[in-house]
């Protein structure tokens, strides 16, 4: 008997976390379609957006809006419906729910109250981007969106200076250039970046360049900054860790105002590094 035919025509009263396509509408599993066809109710981040997907697959089920602004209040309503015997699917605008999308509070409360939560796996922009990026994937760190404000963005990047794992961010077309500029300022122009743009869509593109060259590339053509972005940043290498990037950043900033020898001495005091190593690095790189 096939896996599809084993799915009951009447689903148990549970919360089903259903992944949906991130771009190409055909990237949906048979199981996801069957679950959506059989649940009593579908909770969606944007009912109008998700309605197009459901219409494409001729799925006609009642929909329930669940987004960041109403999740805590409306989530309780959904849990009561499940307790009364209804099966409910949770979907987001694209990809796997809860990965930078609403649903955490609902799932967390379901777990606390003993309501079963069933994952129905499928597309995820993070994993899709990493799989084709050419960066190490044995260990990685998903960081979501960086803060919008300049100080917050710099502060967050500063905490990741010595992170050895590949780092994955989401970014908007309006802020991608600013984010690359901040990466150059904090992590350095040589840090390798990979941008995945418009994943699984017609104009899907991957760009792989050092941060400094990536900024030039994005500024060459406004088309390079269109679409939805997954930004991947190579982790710090052992060579970079021998002199922490935060110390190199300090030295670079001080060198703009002071002679290299003095800048190296001050940086050594601030970060407890060897003055001669900093001075040598400055001669080679500044």
C-alpha atoms as a PDB file:
ATOM      1  CA  UNK A   1       0.000   0.000   0.000  1.00  0.00           C
ATOM      2  CA  UNK A   2       1.419   3.411  -0.925  1.00  0.00           C
ATOM      3  CA  UNK A   3       2.119   6.134   1.638  1.00  0.00           C
ATOM      4  CA  UNK A   4      -0.542   8.359   0.065  1.00  0.00           C
ATOM      5  CA  UNK A   5      -3.258   5.719   0.198  1.00  0.00           C
ATOM      6  CA  UNK A   6      -2.505   5.105   3.879  1.00  0.00           C
ATOM      7  CA  UNK A   7      -3.631   8.626   4.812  1.00  0.00           C
ATOM      8  CA  UNK A   8      -7.080   8.429   6.376  1.00  0.00           C
ATOM      9  CA  UNK A   9      -9.914  10.307   4.750  1.00  0.00           C
ATOM     10  CA  UNK A  10     -10.732  11.702   8.208  1.00  0.00           C
ATOM     11  CA  UNK A  11      -7.714  13.197   9.904  1.00  0.00           C
ATOM     12  CA  UNK A  12      -7.274  13.037  13.680  1.00  0.00           C
ATOM     13  CA  UNK A  13      -7.816  16.307  15.550  1.00  0.00           C
ATOM     14  CA  UNK A  14      -4.271  17.633  15.576  1.00  0.00           C
ATOM     15  CA  UNK A  15      -2.263  20.640  14.413  1.00  0.00           C
ATOM     16  CA  UNK A  16      -0.460  19.910  11.150  1.00  0.00           C
ATOM     17  CA  UNK A  17       2.536  22.133  10.285  1.00  0.00           C
ATOM     18  CA  UNK A  18       2.531  22.043   6.478  1.00  0.00           C
ATOM     19  CA  UNK A  19       5.419  23.346   4.357  1.00  0.00           C
ATOM     20  CA  UNK A  20       4.443  25.038   1.083  1.00  0.00           C
ATOM     21  CA  UNK A  21       6.457  26.159  -1.976  1.00  0.00           C
ATOM     22  CA  UNK A  22       8.953  29.034  -1.654  1.00  0.00           C
ATOM     23  CA  UNK A  23       8.622  29.988  -5.317  1.00  0.00           C
ATOM     24  CA  UNK A  24       7.878  27.261  -7.831  1.00  0.00           C
ATOM     25  CA  UNK A  25       4.292  26.212  -7.183  1.00  0.00           C
ATOM     26  CA  UNK A  26       5.117  22.593  -8.102  1.00  0.00           C
ATOM     27  CA  UNK A  27       7.458  22.239  -5.120  1.00  0.00           C
ATOM     28  CA  UNK A  28       4.867  20.755  -2.804  1.00  0.00           C
ATOM     29  CA  UNK A  29       4.705  17.186  -1.535  1.00  0.00           C
ATOM     30  CA  UNK A  30       1.897  14.723  -2.195  1.00  0.00           C
ATOM     31  CA  UNK A  31       1.446  14.395   1.544  1.00  0.00           C
ATOM     32  CA  UNK A  32       1.070  18.162   1.978  1.00  0.00           C
ATOM     33  CA  UNK A  33      -1.674  18.257  -0.659  1.00  0.00           C
ATOM     34  CA  UNK A  34      -3.530  15.349   0.931  1.00  0.00           C
ATOM     35  CA  UNK A  35      -3.318  16.894   4.393  1.00  0.00           C
ATOM     36  CA  UNK A  36      -4.619  20.237   3.112  1.00  0.00           C
ATOM     37  CA  UNK A  37      -7.439  18.452   1.297  1.00  0.00           C
ATOM     38  CA  UNK A  38      -8.552  16.624   4.420  1.00  0.00           C
ATOM     39  CA  UNK A  39      -8.183  19.000   7.367  1.00  0.00           C
ATOM     40  CA  UNK A  40     -11.219  20.837   8.671  1.00  0.00           C
ATOM     41  CA  UNK A  41      -9.532  24.244   8.699  1.00  0.00           C
ATOM     42  CA  UNK A  42      -6.392  25.902   7.288  1.00  0.00           C
ATOM     43  CA  UNK A  43      -4.685  28.639   9.329  1.00  0.00           C
ATOM     44  CA  UNK A  44      -2.679  30.909   7.025  1.00  0.00           C
ATOM     45  CA  UNK A  45      -0.383  33.898   7.464  1.00  0.00           C
ATOM     46  CA  UNK A  46      -2.098  35.695   4.558  1.00  0.00           C
ATOM     47  CA  UNK A  47      -5.339  34.052   3.438  1.00  0.00           C
ATOM     48  CA  UNK A  48      -5.396  35.916   0.102  1.00  0.00           C
ATOM     49  CA  UNK A  49      -1.837  34.878  -0.752  1.00  0.00           C
ATOM     50  CA  UNK A  50      -2.320  31.256   0.313  1.00  0.00           C
ATOM     51  CA  UNK A  51      -5.693  31.157  -1.407  1.00  0.00           C
ATOM     52  CA  UNK A  52      -3.908  31.214  -4.767  1.00  0.00           C
ATOM     53  CA  UNK A  53      -1.946  28.077  -3.872  1.00  0.00           C
ATOM     54  CA  UNK A  54      -5.027  26.282  -2.620  1.00  0.00           C
ATOM     55  CA  UNK A  55      -6.990  27.280  -5.711  1.00  0.00           C
ATOM     56  CA  UNK A  56      -4.216  25.931  -7.950  1.00  0.00           C
ATOM     57  CA  UNK A  57      -4.564  22.514  -6.301  1.00  0.00           C
ATOM     58  CA  UNK A  58      -8.374  22.766  -6.131  1.00  0.00           C
ATOM     59  CA  UNK A  59      -8.368  22.685  -2.328  1.00  0.00           C
ATOM     60  CA  UNK A  60     -11.537  24.185  -0.914  1.00  0.00           C
ATOM     61  CA  UNK A  61     -11.322  24.490   2.835  1.00  0.00           C
ATOM     62  CA  UNK A  62     -12.250  27.225   5.317  1.00  0.00           C
ATOM     63  CA  UNK A  63      -9.309  29.522   6.075  1.00  0.00           C
ATOM     64  CA  UNK A  64      -8.363  31.264   9.293  1.00  0.00           C
ATOM     65  CA  UNK A  65      -5.928  34.236   9.395  1.00  0.00           C
ATOM     66  CA  UNK A  66      -3.035  33.749  11.820  1.00  0.00           C
ATOM     67  CA  UNK A  67      -0.201  36.264  11.697  1.00  0.00           C
ATOM     68  CA  UNK A  68       2.275  38.079  13.954  1.00  0.00           C
ATOM     69  CA  UNK A  69      -0.293  40.613  15.155  1.00  0.00           C
ATOM     70  CA  UNK A  70      -3.032  38.203  16.221  1.00  0.00           C
ATOM     71  CA  UNK A  71      -1.280  34.922  16.937  1.00  0.00           C
ATOM     72  CA  UNK A  72      -1.394  34.988  20.737  1.00  0.00           C
ATOM     73  CA  UNK A  73      -5.140  35.756  20.807  1.00  0.00           C
ATOM     74  CA  UNK A  74      -6.330  33.733  17.805  1.00  0.00           C
ATOM     75  CA  UNK A  75      -4.068  30.793  18.604  1.00  0.00           C
ATOM     76  CA  UNK A  76      -6.215  30.030  21.640  1.00  0.00           C
ATOM     77  CA  UNK A  77      -9.247  29.850  19.363  1.00  0.00           C
ATOM     78  CA  UNK A  78      -7.490  27.305  17.145  1.00  0.00           C
ATOM     79  CA  UNK A  79      -6.513  25.161  20.124  1.00  0.00           C
ATOM     80  CA  UNK A  80     -10.121  25.085  21.319  1.00  0.00           C
ATOM     81  CA  UNK A  81     -11.200  23.975  17.845  1.00  0.00           C
ATOM     82  CA  UNK A  82      -8.669  21.125  17.920  1.00  0.00           C
ATOM     83  CA  UNK A  83      -9.851  20.097  21.378  1.00  0.00           C
ATOM     84  CA  UNK A  84     -13.420  20.033  20.057  1.00  0.00           C
ATOM     85  CA  UNK A  85     -12.389  17.520  17.369  1.00  0.00           C
ATOM     86  CA  UNK A  86     -11.275  19.591  14.375  1.00  0.00           C
ATOM     87  CA  UNK A  87      -8.061  18.991  12.444  1.00  0.00           C
ATOM     88  CA  UNK A  88      -6.142  22.136  11.525  1.00  0.00           C
ATOM     89  CA  UNK A  89      -3.252  22.808   9.131  1.00  0.00           C
ATOM     90  CA  UNK A  90      -0.898  25.736   9.637  1.00  0.00           C
ATOM     91  CA  UNK A  91       0.771  27.214   6.560  1.00  0.00           C
ATOM     92  CA  UNK A  92       2.841  30.352   5.991  1.00  0.00           C
ATOM     93  CA  UNK A  93       3.193  32.527   2.908  1.00  0.00           C
ATOM     94  CA  UNK A  94       6.068  30.343   1.705  1.00  0.00           C
ATOM     95  CA  UNK A  95       8.242  27.514   2.970  1.00  0.00           C
ATOM     96  CA  UNK A  96       8.165  25.852   6.360  1.00  0.00           C
ATOM     97  CA  UNK A  97       6.037  27.603   9.022  1.00  0.00           C
ATOM     98  CA  UNK A  98       7.775  29.051  12.101  1.00  0.00           C
ATOM     99  CA  UNK A  99      11.096  29.559  10.257  1.00  0.00           C
ATOM    100  CA  UNK A 100      10.985  33.361  10.494  1.00  0.00           C
ATOM    101  CA  UNK A 101       7.200  33.083  10.159  1.00  0.00           C
ATOM    102  CA  UNK A 102       4.303  33.045  12.640  1.00  0.00           C
ATOM    103  CA  UNK A 103       3.393  29.909  14.568  1.00  0.00           C
ATOM    104  CA  UNK A 104       5.805  29.677  17.495  1.00  0.00           C
ATOM    105  CA  UNK A 105       3.303  30.754  20.152  1.00  0.00           C
ATOM    106  CA  UNK A 106       0.635  28.435  18.772  1.00  0.00           C
ATOM    107  CA  UNK A 107       2.923  25.392  18.626  1.00  0.00           C
ATOM    108  CA  UNK A 108       4.432  26.142  22.024  1.00  0.00           C
ATOM    109  CA  UNK A 109       1.015  26.370  23.655  1.00  0.00           C
ATOM    110  CA  UNK A 110      -0.149  23.202  21.900  1.00  0.00           C
ATOM    111  CA  UNK A 111       2.828  21.344  23.348  1.00  0.00           C
ATOM    112  CA  UNK A 112       2.171  22.706  26.828  1.00  0.00           C
ATOM    113  CA  UNK A 113      -1.496  21.686  26.676  1.00  0.00           C
ATOM    114  CA  UNK A 114      -0.846  18.225  25.262  1.00  0.00           C
ATOM    115  CA  UNK A 115      -2.276  18.958  21.812  1.00  0.00           C
ATOM    116  CA  UNK A 116      -0.520  16.863  19.160  1.00  0.00           C
ATOM    117  CA  UNK A 117       1.562  18.750  16.581  1.00  0.00           C
ATOM    118  CA  UNK A 118       2.470  16.920  13.357  1.00  0.00           C
ATOM    119  CA  UNK A 119       5.193  18.279  11.033  1.00  0.00           C
ATOM    120  CA  UNK A 120       4.618  17.815   7.305  1.00  0.00           C
ATOM    121  CA  UNK A 121       8.086  18.583   5.863  1.00  0.00           C
ATOM    122  CA  UNK A 122       8.853  20.340   2.616  1.00  0.00           C
ATOM    123  CA  UNK A 123      10.582  23.429   1.180  1.00  0.00           C
ATOM    124  CA  UNK A 124      12.712  25.767   3.289  1.00  0.00           C
ATOM    125  CA  UNK A 125      14.623  28.711   1.816  1.00  0.00           C
ATOM    126  CA  UNK A 126      17.473  28.256   4.320  1.00  0.00           C
ATOM    127  CA  UNK A 127      18.175  24.651   3.375  1.00  0.00           C
ATOM    128  CA  UNK A 128      17.525  25.216  -0.331  1.00  0.00           C
ATOM    129  CA  UNK A 129      20.055  28.061  -0.446  1.00  0.00           C
ATOM    130  CA  UNK A 130      22.706  26.195   1.535  1.00  0.00           C
ATOM    131  CA  UNK A 131      22.426  23.093  -0.626  1.00  0.00           C
ATOM    132  CA  UNK A 132      23.652  24.978  -3.725  1.00  0.00           C
ATOM    133  CA  UNK A 133      25.866  27.682  -2.183  1.00  0.00           C
ATOM    134  CA  UNK A 134      29.207  25.900  -2.128  1.00  0.00           C
ATOM    135  CA  UNK A 135      29.857  26.871   1.502  1.00  0.00           C
ATOM    136  CA  UNK A 136      30.427  24.402   4.361  1.00  0.00           C
ATOM    137  CA  UNK A 137      27.109  22.912   5.478  1.00  0.00           C
ATOM    138  CA  UNK A 138      28.202  20.363   8.090  1.00  0.00           C
ATOM    139  CA  UNK A 139      27.553  23.105  10.661  1.00  0.00           C
ATOM    140  CA  UNK A 140      25.712  26.375  10.101  1.00  0.00           C
ATOM    141  CA  UNK A 141      23.971  29.136  12.029  1.00  0.00           C
ATOM    142  CA  UNK A 142      20.600  30.525  10.943  1.00  0.00           C
ATOM    143  CA  UNK A 143      20.348  34.179  12.010  1.00  0.00           C
ATOM    144  CA  UNK A 144      17.091  35.337  10.373  1.00  0.00           C
ATOM    145  CA  UNK A 145      16.828  39.048   9.546  1.00  0.00           C
ATOM    146  CA  UNK A 146      19.466  41.449  10.847  1.00  0.00           C
ATOM    147  CA  UNK A 147      18.230  44.498  12.803  1.00  0.00           C
ATOM    148  CA  UNK A 148      17.095  47.379  10.603  1.00  0.00           C
ATOM    149  CA  UNK A 149      18.783  50.176  12.545  1.00  0.00           C
ATOM    150  CA  UNK A 150      22.473  50.800  11.918  1.00  0.00           C
ATOM    151  CA  UNK A 151      23.705  50.338  15.490  1.00  0.00           C
ATOM    152  CA  UNK A 152      21.684  47.191  16.026  1.00  0.00           C
ATOM    153  CA  UNK A 153      22.959  45.711  12.773  1.00  0.00           C
ATOM    154  CA  UNK A 154      26.583  46.487  13.599  1.00  0.00           C
ATOM    155  CA  UNK A 155      26.213  45.168  17.135  1.00  0.00           C
ATOM    156  CA  UNK A 156      24.718  41.904  15.888  1.00  0.00           C
ATOM    157  CA  UNK A 157      27.448  41.423  13.287  1.00  0.00           C
ATOM    158  CA  UNK A 158      30.078  42.178  15.926  1.00  0.00           C
ATOM    159  CA  UNK A 159      28.876  39.196  17.965  1.00  0.00           C
ATOM    160  CA  UNK A 160      29.466  36.975  14.915  1.00  0.00           C
ATOM    161  CA  UNK A 161      33.006  38.113  14.055  1.00  0.00           C
ATOM    162  CA  UNK A 162      34.635  34.873  15.224  1.00  0.00           C
ATOM    163  CA  UNK A 163      31.714  32.551  14.397  1.00  0.00           C
ATOM    164  CA  UNK A 164      33.310  29.575  12.565  1.00  0.00           C
ATOM    165  CA  UNK A 165      30.072  28.227  11.092  1.00  0.00           C
ATOM    166  CA  UNK A 166      28.466  29.327   7.847  1.00  0.00           C
ATOM    167  CA  UNK A 167      25.898  32.004   8.735  1.00  0.00           C
ATOM    168  CA  UNK A 168      22.551  32.356   6.963  1.00  0.00           C
ATOM    169  CA  UNK A 169      20.440  35.532   6.894  1.00  0.00           C
ATOM    170  CA  UNK A 170      17.271  36.674   5.177  1.00  0.00           C
ATOM    171  CA  UNK A 171      17.376  40.158   3.696  1.00  0.00           C
ATOM    172  CA  UNK A 172      15.091  42.477   1.764  1.00  0.00           C
ATOM    173  CA  UNK A 173      15.988  44.136  -1.564  1.00  0.00           C
ATOM    174  CA  UNK A 174      15.754  47.550   0.108  1.00  0.00           C
ATOM    175  CA  UNK A 175      18.424  46.724   2.679  1.00  0.00           C
ATOM    176  CA  UNK A 176      20.751  44.264   0.956  1.00  0.00           C
ATOM    177  CA  UNK A 177      23.326  46.914  -0.067  1.00  0.00           C
ATOM    178  CA  UNK A 178      23.375  48.480   3.398  1.00  0.00           C
ATOM    179  CA  UNK A 179      23.830  45.054   4.965  1.00  0.00           C
ATOM    180  CA  UNK A 180      26.796  44.235   2.720  1.00  0.00           C
ATOM    181  CA  UNK A 181      28.344  47.599   3.625  1.00  0.00           C
ATOM    182  CA  UNK A 182      28.037  46.761   7.323  1.00  0.00           C
ATOM    183  CA  UNK A 183      29.516  43.310   6.757  1.00  0.00           C
ATOM    184  CA  UNK A 184      32.523  44.931   5.083  1.00  0.00           C
ATOM    185  CA  UNK A 185      32.925  47.337   8.007  1.00  0.00           C
ATOM    186  CA  UNK A 186      32.645  44.659  10.686  1.00  0.00           C
ATOM    187  CA  UNK A 187      33.780  41.363   9.133  1.00  0.00           C
ATOM    188  CA  UNK A 188      36.088  42.776   6.470  1.00  0.00           C
ATOM    189  CA  UNK A 189      35.994  43.056   2.656  1.00  0.00           C
ATOM    190  CA  UNK A 190      37.515  39.621   2.105  1.00  0.00           C
ATOM    191  CA  UNK A 191      34.845  37.602   3.897  1.00  0.00           C
ATOM    192  CA  UNK A 192      33.246  35.290   1.332  1.00  0.00           C
ATOM    193  CA  UNK A 193      29.529  35.806   0.701  1.00  0.00           C
ATOM    194  CA  UNK A 194      26.972  33.872  -1.309  1.00  0.00           C
ATOM    195  CA  UNK A 195      23.650  35.446  -2.229  1.00  0.00           C
ATOM    196  CA  UNK A 196      20.749  33.265  -3.358  1.00  0.00           C
ATOM    197  CA  UNK A 197      18.111  35.392  -5.074  1.00  0.00           C
ATOM    198  CA  UNK A 198      14.572  34.429  -6.130  1.00  0.00           C
ATOM    199  CA  UNK A 199      14.989  30.770  -5.173  1.00  0.00           C
ATOM    200  CA  UNK A 200      13.083  28.285  -7.378  1.00  0.00           C
ATOM    201  CA  UNK A 201      11.613  31.132  -9.428  1.00  0.00           C
ATOM    202  CA  UNK A 202      12.251  32.082 -13.067  1.00  0.00           C
ATOM    203  CA  UNK A 203      15.135  34.430 -12.278  1.00  0.00           C
ATOM    204  CA  UNK A 204      16.819  32.303  -9.599  1.00  0.00           C
ATOM    205  CA  UNK A 205      20.440  33.432  -9.219  1.00  0.00           C
ATOM    206  CA  UNK A 206      23.446  32.628  -7.036  1.00  0.00           C
ATOM    207  CA  UNK A 207      26.258  35.158  -6.570  1.00  0.00           C
ATOM    208  CA  UNK A 208      29.485  34.124  -4.828  1.00  0.00           C
ATOM    209  CA  UNK A 209      32.053  36.870  -4.130  1.00  0.00           C
ATOM    210  CA  UNK A 210      34.135  38.431  -1.349  1.00  0.00           C
ATOM    211  CA  UNK A 211      32.139  41.106   0.479  1.00  0.00           C
ATOM    212  CA  UNK A 212      33.951  44.031  -1.165  1.00  0.00           C
ATOM    213  CA  UNK A 213      33.389  42.678  -4.660  1.00  0.00           C
ATOM    214  CA  UNK A 214      29.804  41.748  -3.834  1.00  0.00           C
ATOM    215  CA  UNK A 215      29.048  45.367  -2.972  1.00  0.00           C
ATOM    216  CA  UNK A 216      30.449  46.520  -6.320  1.00  0.00           C
ATOM    217  CA  UNK A 217      28.440  43.853  -8.122  1.00  0.00           C
ATOM    218  CA  UNK A 218      25.160  44.867  -6.481  1.00  0.00           C
ATOM    219  CA  UNK A 219      25.775  48.528  -7.271  1.00  0.00           C
ATOM    220  CA  UNK A 220      26.473  47.800 -10.956  1.00  0.00           C
ATOM    221  CA  UNK A 221      22.857  47.054 -11.839  1.00  0.00           C
ATOM    222  CA  UNK A 222      19.617  47.688  -9.960  1.00  0.00           C
ATOM    223  CA  UNK A 223      18.340  44.335 -11.230  1.00  0.00           C
ATOM    224  CA  UNK A 224      20.910  42.641  -8.991  1.00  0.00           C
ATOM    225  CA  UNK A 225      19.038  43.980  -5.956  1.00  0.00           C
ATOM    226  CA  UNK A 226      15.567  42.801  -6.904  1.00  0.00           C
ATOM    227  CA  UNK A 227      13.729  39.861  -5.435  1.00  0.00           C
ATOM    228  CA  UNK A 228      13.963  37.903  -2.203  1.00  0.00           C
ATOM    229  CA  UNK A 229      17.407  37.179  -0.761  1.00  0.00           C
ATOM    230  CA  UNK A 230      19.076  34.524   1.296  1.00  0.00           C
ATOM    231  CA  UNK A 231      22.496  35.848   2.314  1.00  0.00           C
ATOM    232  CA  UNK A 232      25.139  33.343   3.383  1.00  0.00           C
ATOM    233  CA  UNK A 233      28.386  34.398   5.053  1.00  0.00           C
ATOM    234  CA  UNK A 234      31.412  32.134   5.338  1.00  0.00           C
ATOM    235  CA  UNK A 235      32.531  31.464   8.889  1.00  0.00           C
ATOM    236  CA  UNK A 236      35.780  32.815  10.286  1.00  0.00           C
ATOM    237  CA  UNK A 237      38.799  30.778   9.246  1.00  0.00           C
ATOM    238  CA  UNK A 238      41.684  29.752  11.480  1.00  0.00           C
ATOM    239  CA  UNK A 239      43.912  32.406   9.924  1.00  0.00           C
ATOM    240  CA  UNK A 240      41.357  35.071  10.697  1.00  0.00           C
ATOM    241  CA  UNK A 241      41.002  33.791  14.248  1.00  0.00           C
ATOM    242  CA  UNK A 242      44.757  34.151  14.943  1.00  0.00           C
ATOM    243  CA  UNK A 243      44.070  37.897  15.168  1.00  0.00           C
ATOM    244  CA  UNK A 244      40.404  38.327  16.086  1.00  0.00           C
ATOM    245  CA  UNK A 245      38.418  40.236  13.494  1.00  0.00           C
ATOM    246  CA  UNK A 246      37.248  42.668  16.165  1.00  0.00           C
ATOM    247  CA  UNK A 247      40.896  43.651  16.729  1.00  0.00           C
ATOM    248  CA  UNK A 248      41.459  44.070  12.992  1.00  0.00           C
ATOM    249  CA  UNK A 249      38.369  46.260  12.795  1.00  0.00           C
ATOM    250  CA  UNK A 250      39.645  48.425  15.653  1.00  0.00           C
ATOM    251  CA  UNK A 251      43.059  48.711  14.029  1.00  0.00           C
ATOM    252  CA  UNK A 252      41.497  49.724  10.712  1.00  0.00           C
ATOM    253  CA  UNK A 253      39.411  52.433  12.379  1.00  0.00           C
ATOM    254  CA  UNK A 254      42.338  53.787  14.423  1.00  0.00           C
ATOM    255  CA  UNK A 255      44.649  53.764  11.419  1.00  0.00           C
ATOM    256  CA  UNK A 256      42.323  56.251   9.722  1.00  0.00           C
ATOM    257  CA  UNK A 257      43.209  58.797  12.427  1.00  0.00           C
ATOM    258  CA  UNK A 258      46.637  57.728  13.720  1.00  0.00           C
ATOM    259  CA  UNK A 259      50.026  56.484  12.458  1.00  0.00           C
ATOM    260  CA  UNK A 260      50.063  52.698  12.097  1.00  0.00           C
ATOM    261  CA  UNK A 261      52.555  52.187  14.936  1.00  0.00           C
ATOM    262  CA  UNK A 262      50.390  54.108  17.401  1.00  0.00           C
ATOM    263  CA  UNK A 263      47.196  52.467  16.114  1.00  0.00           C
ATOM    264  CA  UNK A 264      48.750  49.007  16.558  1.00  0.00           C
ATOM    265  CA  UNK A 265      49.883  49.814  20.090  1.00  0.00           C
ATOM    266  CA  UNK A 266      46.448  51.040  21.156  1.00  0.00           C
ATOM    267  CA  UNK A 267      44.695  48.080  19.518  1.00  0.00           C
ATOM    268  CA  UNK A 268      47.036  45.677  21.305  1.00  0.00           C
ATOM    269  CA  UNK A 269      46.108  47.230  24.649  1.00  0.00           C
ATOM    270  CA  UNK A 270      42.381  47.199  23.925  1.00  0.00           C
ATOM    271  CA  UNK A 271      42.196  43.579  22.713  1.00  0.00           C
ATOM    272  CA  UNK A 272      45.159  42.005  24.517  1.00  0.00           C
ATOM    273  CA  UNK A 273      46.961  41.181  21.275  1.00  0.00           C
ATOM    274  CA  UNK A 274      50.615  41.320  20.217  1.00  0.00           C
ATOM    275  CA  UNK A 275      51.556  44.765  18.931  1.00  0.00           C
ATOM    276  CA  UNK A 276      54.067  43.406  16.404  1.00  0.00           C
ATOM    277  CA  UNK A 277      51.489  41.046  14.878  1.00  0.00           C
ATOM    278  CA  UNK A 278      49.036  43.900  14.482  1.00  0.00           C
ATOM    279  CA  UNK A 279      51.696  46.190  13.040  1.00  0.00           C
ATOM    280  CA  UNK A 280      52.744  43.519  10.522  1.00  0.00           C
ATOM    281  CA  UNK A 281      49.137  42.917   9.501  1.00  0.00           C
ATOM    282  CA  UNK A 282      48.654  46.654   9.066  1.00  0.00           C
ATOM    283  CA  UNK A 283      51.677  46.946   6.810  1.00  0.00           C
ATOM    284  CA  UNK A 284      50.325  44.181   4.588  1.00  0.00           C
ATOM    285  CA  UNK A 285      46.693  45.203   4.512  1.00  0.00           C
ATOM    286  CA  UNK A 286      46.257  48.920   5.272  1.00  0.00           C
END
